[in-house]
Amino acid sequence: MHNPPFTARSISVAEHIDTSVLVTLQEVMEAEYPVLLDTFLVDSEERLRLLQAACRSGEAESLRQAAHSFKGSCSNMGAALLAELCREMEESARRDQLDEAPVLIERIEREFAIVRILYRAERQRWGGPG
């Protein structure tokens, strides 16, 4: 069974999610697709906490590593805008320009809040709590 991901409502899904990635993940993961969505959301909460802690610590390399890790996860799951924000954070930390970090963290938090809503809605379409 193949369900096209999402139906756009008040949030412009295409602005936040590359649905072609989700279609591919549905095809590859089949019945495990909902588990993948759940895992991504739980994992992302932890990655966001690590990013916030690294920002508070002021350690550029820790921040770069946390942003790099979160970026990869987001990219693999089609959260394109979130991945781009993490890339910006990674580059900022690589240049040791941490003055930009708090603003980027806020943008990442806001974008993750939207992504979380979208992925929970996607998860509910497949049954279960989401």
N, C-alpha and C. Protein backbone atom coordinates (compact mmCIF):
# COMPACT_ATOMS: atom_id res chain seq x y z
N MET A 1 0.85 -1.18 0.00
CA MET A 1 0.00 0.00 0.00
C MET A 1 0.89 1.24 0.00
N HIS A 2 0.59 2.17 -0.86
CA HIS A 2 1.40 3.38 -0.99
C HIS A 2 0.49 4.58 -0.75
N ASN A 3 0.79 5.33 0.29
CA ASN A 3 0.03 6.54 0.59
C ASN A 3 0.89 7.75 0.30
N PRO A 4 0.42 8.69 -0.51
CA PRO A 4 1.21 9.90 -0.69
C PRO A 4 1.29 10.65 0.63
N PRO A 5 2.48 11.14 1.00
CA PRO A 5 2.61 11.81 2.28
C PRO A 5 1.89 13.14 2.31
N PHE A 6 1.25 13.40 3.41
CA PHE A 6 0.66 14.69 3.74
C PHE A 6 -0.40 15.18 2.76
N THR A 7 -1.24 15.99 3.28
CA THR A 7 -2.10 16.85 2.48
C THR A 7 -1.94 18.23 3.10
N ALA A 8 -1.61 19.20 2.28
CA ALA A 8 -1.33 20.54 2.79
C ALA A 8 -2.58 21.15 3.39
N ARG A 9 -2.42 21.71 4.55
CA ARG A 9 -3.51 22.42 5.21
C ARG A 9 -3.04 23.84 5.45
N SER A 10 -2.90 24.23 6.71
CA SER A 10 -2.50 25.60 7.00
C SER A 10 -0.99 25.80 6.86
N ILE A 11 -0.22 24.73 6.98
CA ILE A 11 1.23 24.83 6.84
C ILE A 11 1.60 24.39 5.42
N SER A 12 2.45 25.15 4.78
CA SER A 12 2.94 24.76 3.46
C SER A 12 3.98 23.66 3.64
N VAL A 13 3.56 22.43 3.43
CA VAL A 13 4.42 21.27 3.66
C VAL A 13 5.69 21.37 2.83
N ALA A 14 5.57 21.74 1.57
CA ALA A 14 6.71 21.77 0.66
C ALA A 14 7.81 22.72 1.14
N GLU A 15 7.43 23.71 1.92
CA GLU A 15 8.40 24.66 2.46
C GLU A 15 9.30 24.00 3.51
N HIS A 16 8.79 22.94 4.14
CA HIS A 16 9.48 22.33 5.27
C HIS A 16 9.97 20.91 5.01
N ILE A 17 9.26 20.17 4.16
CA ILE A 17 9.52 18.74 3.98
C ILE A 17 9.65 18.41 2.50
N ASP A 18 10.68 17.65 2.16
CA ASP A 18 10.83 17.11 0.81
C ASP A 18 10.06 15.79 0.79
N THR A 19 8.83 15.85 0.30
CA THR A 19 7.96 14.68 0.35
C THR A 19 8.46 13.54 -0.53
N SER A 20 9.28 13.84 -1.53
CA SER A 20 9.83 12.76 -2.36
C SER A 20 10.73 11.85 -1.52
N VAL A 21 11.40 12.41 -0.53
CA VAL A 21 12.22 11.60 0.38
C VAL A 21 11.32 10.67 1.18
N LEU A 22 10.18 11.20 1.65
CA LEU A 22 9.26 10.36 2.43
C LEU A 22 8.66 9.25 1.58
N VAL A 23 8.35 9.55 0.33
CA VAL A 23 7.82 8.51 -0.56
C VAL A 23 8.84 7.38 -0.70
N THR A 24 10.10 7.74 -0.90
CA THR A 24 11.16 6.73 -1.00
C THR A 24 11.28 5.94 0.29
N LEU A 25 11.23 6.64 1.42
CA LEU A 25 11.32 5.94 2.71
C LEU A 25 10.14 4.99 2.91
N GLN A 26 8.95 5.41 2.49
CA GLN A 26 7.77 4.53 2.58
C GLN A 26 8.01 3.26 1.78
N GLU A 27 8.54 3.42 0.58
CA GLU A 27 8.77 2.27 -0.30
C GLU A 27 9.82 1.33 0.28
N VAL A 28 10.87 1.88 0.84
CA VAL A 28 11.96 1.08 1.38
C VAL A 28 11.58 0.44 2.72
N MET A 29 10.97 1.22 3.59
CA MET A 29 10.70 0.77 4.96
C MET A 29 9.40 -0.03 5.08
N GLU A 30 8.49 0.18 4.16
CA GLU A 30 7.19 -0.50 4.17
C GLU A 30 6.53 -0.41 5.55
N ALA A 31 6.25 -1.54 6.19
CA ALA A 31 5.52 -1.54 7.47
C ALA A 31 6.30 -0.87 8.59
N GLU A 32 7.61 -0.73 8.43
CA GLU A 32 8.44 -0.10 9.46
C GLU A 32 8.49 1.42 9.33
N TYR A 33 7.85 1.96 8.31
CA TYR A 33 7.86 3.41 8.09
C TYR A 33 7.36 4.18 9.32
N PRO A 34 6.24 3.80 9.95
CA PRO A 34 5.81 4.53 11.14
C PRO A 34 6.84 4.49 12.27
N VAL A 35 7.53 3.37 12.41
CA VAL A 35 8.58 3.25 13.43
C VAL A 35 9.71 4.23 13.12
N LEU A 36 10.05 4.36 11.85
CA LEU A 36 11.08 5.30 11.43
C LEU A 36 10.69 6.73 11.81
N LEU A 37 9.44 7.10 11.56
CA LEU A 37 8.96 8.43 11.92
C LEU A 37 9.07 8.66 13.43
N ASP A 38 8.62 7.67 14.21
CA ASP A 38 8.70 7.77 15.67
C ASP A 38 10.15 7.93 16.12
N THR A 39 11.02 7.12 15.56
CA THR A 39 12.44 7.15 15.93
C THR A 39 13.05 8.50 15.59
N PHE A 40 12.72 9.02 14.42
CA PHE A 40 13.25 10.33 14.03
C PHE A 40 12.83 11.41 15.02
N LEU A 41 11.57 11.41 15.42
CA LEU A 41 11.09 12.45 16.35
C LEU A 41 11.79 12.35 17.70
N VAL A 42 11.90 11.14 18.24
CA VAL A 42 12.56 10.96 19.53
C VAL A 42 14.04 11.34 19.42
N ASP A 43 14.68 10.86 18.38
CA ASP A 43 16.10 11.14 18.15
C ASP A 43 16.34 12.64 17.98
N SER A 44 15.44 13.30 17.27
CA SER A 44 15.60 14.74 17.02
C SER A 44 15.47 15.55 18.30
N GLU A 45 14.59 15.13 19.20
CA GLU A 45 14.47 15.82 20.49
C GLU A 45 15.82 15.80 21.21
N GLU A 46 16.46 14.64 21.21
CA GLU A 46 17.77 14.50 21.86
C GLU A 46 18.83 15.31 21.13
N ARG A 47 18.83 15.27 19.82
CA ARG A 47 19.81 16.04 19.04
C ARG A 47 19.64 17.54 19.29
N LEU A 48 18.40 17.99 19.43
CA LEU A 48 18.16 19.40 19.71
C LEU A 48 18.68 19.76 21.10
N ARG A 49 18.48 18.88 22.08
CA ARG A 49 19.02 19.13 23.43
C ARG A 49 20.55 19.23 23.39
N LEU A 50 21.19 18.35 22.63
CA LEU A 50 22.65 18.39 22.51
C LEU A 50 23.11 19.68 21.85
N LEU A 51 22.38 20.12 20.86
CA LEU A 51 22.70 21.37 20.17
C LEU A 51 22.57 22.55 21.14
N GLN A 52 21.50 22.58 21.91
CA GLN A 52 21.29 23.65 22.89
C GLN A 52 22.39 23.65 23.95
N ALA A 53 22.76 22.46 24.44
CA ALA A 53 23.81 22.35 25.45
C ALA A 53 25.15 22.82 24.89
N ALA A 54 25.44 22.43 23.67
CA ALA A 54 26.69 22.85 23.03
C ALA A 54 26.72 24.36 22.85
N CYS A 55 25.59 24.95 22.53
CA CYS A 55 25.51 26.41 22.38
C CYS A 55 25.77 27.09 23.71
N ARG A 56 25.14 26.57 24.77
CA ARG A 56 25.35 27.16 26.11
C ARG A 56 26.81 27.03 26.56
N SER A 57 27.46 25.94 26.18
CA SER A 57 28.84 25.71 26.61
C SER A 57 29.82 26.65 25.92
N GLY A 58 29.43 27.14 24.74
CA GLY A 58 30.31 28.03 24.00
C GLY A 58 31.47 27.32 23.33
N GLU A 59 31.41 25.99 23.26
CA GLU A 59 32.47 25.21 22.63
C GLU A 59 32.14 25.01 21.15
N ALA A 60 32.88 25.69 20.30
CA ALA A 60 32.59 25.69 18.87
C ALA A 60 32.61 24.28 18.27
N GLU A 61 33.59 23.46 18.65
CA GLU A 61 33.69 22.13 18.05
C GLU A 61 32.52 21.24 18.47
N SER A 62 32.10 21.32 19.71
CA SER A 62 30.93 20.56 20.16
C SER A 62 29.68 21.01 19.41
N LEU A 63 29.55 22.29 19.22
CA LEU A 63 28.42 22.84 18.50
C LEU A 63 28.44 22.40 17.04
N ARG A 64 29.61 22.43 16.44
CA ARG A 64 29.75 21.99 15.05
C ARG A 64 29.35 20.52 14.90
N GLN A 65 29.84 19.68 15.80
CA GLN A 65 29.53 18.25 15.74
C GLN A 65 28.04 17.99 15.94
N ALA A 66 27.44 18.67 16.90
CA ALA A 66 26.01 18.48 17.17
C ALA A 66 25.18 18.93 15.96
N ALA A 67 25.55 20.07 15.38
CA ALA A 67 24.83 20.58 14.21
C ALA A 67 25.00 19.64 13.02
N HIS A 68 26.21 19.13 12.84
CA HIS A 68 26.48 18.21 11.73
C HIS A 68 25.64 16.94 11.86
N SER A 69 25.58 16.40 13.03
CA SER A 69 24.82 15.17 13.28
C SER A 69 23.33 15.39 13.04
N PHE A 70 22.79 16.49 13.57
CA PHE A 70 21.37 16.80 13.40
C PHE A 70 21.07 17.06 11.93
N LYS A 71 21.98 17.74 11.24
CA LYS A 71 21.80 18.03 9.82
C LYS A 71 21.64 16.75 9.02
N GLY A 72 22.50 15.79 9.26
CA GLY A 72 22.44 14.53 8.53
C GLY A 72 21.14 13.79 8.75
N SER A 73 20.71 13.75 9.98
CA SER A 73 19.45 13.08 10.32
C SER A 73 18.27 13.75 9.62
N CYS A 74 18.24 15.08 9.67
CA CYS A 74 17.15 15.83 9.04
C CYS A 74 17.15 15.64 7.53
N SER A 75 18.33 15.67 6.95
CA SER A 75 18.45 15.49 5.51
C SER A 75 17.95 14.11 5.09
N ASN A 76 18.35 13.09 5.83
CA ASN A 76 17.92 11.72 5.52
C ASN A 76 16.41 11.54 5.61
N MET A 77 15.75 12.35 6.43
CA MET A 77 14.31 12.23 6.62
C MET A 77 13.51 13.25 5.82
N GLY A 78 14.18 14.06 5.00
CA GLY A 78 13.48 15.00 4.15
C GLY A 78 13.10 16.32 4.80
N ALA A 79 13.62 16.58 5.99
CA ALA A 79 13.35 17.85 6.67
C ALA A 79 14.36 18.87 6.16
N ALA A 80 14.13 19.32 4.93
CA ALA A 80 15.13 20.09 4.18
C ALA A 80 15.47 21.43 4.81
N LEU A 81 14.47 22.19 5.23
CA LEU A 81 14.74 23.51 5.82
C LEU A 81 15.46 23.35 7.15
N LEU A 82 15.06 22.38 7.95
CA LEU A 82 15.73 22.12 9.22
C LEU A 82 17.19 21.71 8.97
N ALA A 83 17.42 20.88 7.98
CA ALA A 83 18.79 20.48 7.62
C ALA A 83 19.61 21.70 7.20
N GLU A 84 19.01 22.60 6.45
CA GLU A 84 19.71 23.81 6.01
C GLU A 84 20.08 24.70 7.19
N LEU A 85 19.17 24.84 8.15
CA LEU A 85 19.47 25.64 9.34
C LEU A 85 20.61 25.01 10.14
N CYS A 86 20.61 23.69 10.24
CA CYS A 86 21.69 22.99 10.93
C CYS A 86 23.01 23.17 10.18
N ARG A 87 22.95 23.19 8.85
CA ARG A 87 24.15 23.44 8.06
C ARG A 87 24.71 24.83 8.35
N GLU A 88 23.81 25.81 8.45
CA GLU A 88 24.25 27.18 8.78
C GLU A 88 24.92 27.21 10.15
N MET A 89 24.34 26.48 11.11
CA MET A 89 24.92 26.42 12.45
C MET A 89 26.29 25.74 12.41
N GLU A 90 26.38 24.67 11.66
CA GLU A 90 27.64 23.95 11.53
C GLU A 90 28.73 24.87 10.96
N GLU A 91 28.39 25.59 9.91
CA GLU A 91 29.36 26.50 9.28
C GLU A 91 29.75 27.64 10.21
N SER A 92 28.78 28.17 10.92
CA SER A 92 29.05 29.24 11.88
C SER A 92 30.03 28.75 12.95
N ALA A 93 29.78 27.55 13.46
CA ALA A 93 30.66 26.98 14.49
C ALA A 93 32.04 26.67 13.91
N ARG A 94 32.07 26.19 12.68
CA ARG A 94 33.36 25.89 12.03
C ARG A 94 34.21 27.16 11.93
N ARG A 95 33.56 28.29 11.67
CA ARG A 95 34.27 29.58 11.58
C ARG A 95 34.49 30.20 12.95
N ASP A 96 34.03 29.50 14.00
CA ASP A 96 34.14 29.98 15.38
C ASP A 96 33.41 31.31 15.57
N GLN A 97 32.29 31.46 14.87
CA GLN A 97 31.46 32.65 14.98
C GLN A 97 30.21 32.31 15.79
N LEU A 98 30.40 32.18 17.09
CA LEU A 98 29.32 31.72 17.96
C LEU A 98 28.33 32.82 18.33
N ASP A 99 28.64 34.06 17.96
CA ASP A 99 27.69 35.13 18.24
C ASP A 99 26.37 34.92 17.50
N GLU A 100 26.40 34.18 16.39
CA GLU A 100 25.19 33.89 15.61
C GLU A 100 24.41 32.72 16.19
N ALA A 101 25.04 31.94 17.05
CA ALA A 101 24.46 30.68 17.51
C ALA A 101 23.09 30.81 18.20
N PRO A 102 22.91 31.73 19.14
CA PRO A 102 21.59 31.80 19.80
C PRO A 102 20.43 32.07 18.84
N VAL A 103 20.65 32.93 17.86
CA VAL A 103 19.60 33.22 16.88
C VAL A 103 19.33 31.99 16.01
N LEU A 104 20.39 31.31 15.60
CA LEU A 104 20.21 30.10 14.80
C LEU A 104 19.52 29.00 15.60
N ILE A 105 19.86 28.88 16.87
CA ILE A 105 19.19 27.88 17.73
C ILE A 105 17.70 28.17 17.78
N GLU A 106 17.33 29.42 17.94
CA GLU A 106 15.90 29.79 17.97
C GLU A 106 15.22 29.41 16.66
N ARG A 107 15.87 29.67 15.54
CA ARG A 107 15.30 29.32 14.24
C ARG A 107 15.17 27.80 14.09
N ILE A 108 16.17 27.07 14.56
CA ILE A 108 16.13 25.60 14.52
C ILE A 108 15.00 25.09 15.40
N GLU A 109 14.84 25.66 16.58
CA GLU A 109 13.76 25.24 17.49
C GLU A 109 12.39 25.49 16.85
N ARG A 110 12.22 26.65 16.25
CA ARG A 110 10.93 26.97 15.60
C ARG A 110 10.66 26.02 14.43
N GLU A 111 11.68 25.77 13.63
CA GLU A 111 11.50 24.88 12.49
C GLU A 111 11.23 23.45 12.96
N PHE A 112 11.92 23.01 13.99
CA PHE A 112 11.67 21.66 14.49
C PHE A 112 10.24 21.54 15.04
N ALA A 113 9.73 22.60 15.65
CA ALA A 113 8.34 22.56 16.14
C ALA A 113 7.37 22.31 14.98
N ILE A 114 7.62 22.93 13.85
CA ILE A 114 6.78 22.73 12.66
C ILE A 114 6.97 21.32 12.11
N VAL A 115 8.22 20.91 11.98
CA VAL A 115 8.52 19.57 11.47
C VAL A 115 7.88 18.50 12.36
N ARG A 116 7.95 18.70 13.66
CA ARG A 116 7.35 17.74 14.59
C ARG A 116 5.85 17.60 14.34
N ILE A 117 5.16 18.71 14.15
CA ILE A 117 3.72 18.68 13.85
C ILE A 117 3.47 17.91 12.56
N LEU A 118 4.24 18.21 11.53
CA LEU A 118 4.06 17.55 10.23
C LEU A 118 4.33 16.05 10.30
N TYR A 119 5.40 15.67 11.00
CA TYR A 119 5.73 14.24 11.09
C TYR A 119 4.76 13.50 12.00
N ARG A 120 4.25 14.16 13.02
CA ARG A 120 3.22 13.51 13.85
C ARG A 120 1.95 13.29 13.04
N ALA A 121 1.60 14.26 12.21
CA ALA A 121 0.43 14.10 11.33
C ALA A 121 0.67 12.95 10.35
N GLU A 122 1.87 12.89 9.81
CA GLU A 122 2.22 11.80 8.90
C GLU A 122 2.14 10.46 9.63
N ARG A 123 2.62 10.43 10.85
CA ARG A 123 2.59 9.20 11.65
C ARG A 123 1.15 8.76 11.91
N GLN A 124 0.27 9.70 12.20
CA GLN A 124 -1.13 9.37 12.47
C GLN A 124 -1.82 8.80 11.24
N ARG A 125 -1.42 9.25 10.07
CA ARG A 125 -2.00 8.71 8.84
C ARG A 125 -1.73 7.21 8.71
N TRP A 126 -0.66 6.76 9.33
CA TRP A 126 -0.27 5.35 9.24
C TRP A 126 -0.79 4.54 10.42
N GLY A 127 -1.58 5.17 11.26
CA GLY A 127 -2.14 4.47 12.42
C GLY A 127 -1.23 4.60 13.62
N GLY A 128 -1.82 4.55 14.77
CA GLY A 128 -1.04 4.65 16.00
C GLY A 128 -1.03 6.06 16.53
N PRO A 129 -0.36 6.23 17.66
CA PRO A 129 -0.44 7.49 18.40
C PRO A 129 0.27 8.67 17.75
N GLY A 130 1.40 8.46 17.08
CA GLY A 130 2.14 9.54 16.45
C GLY A 130 2.58 10.56 17.34
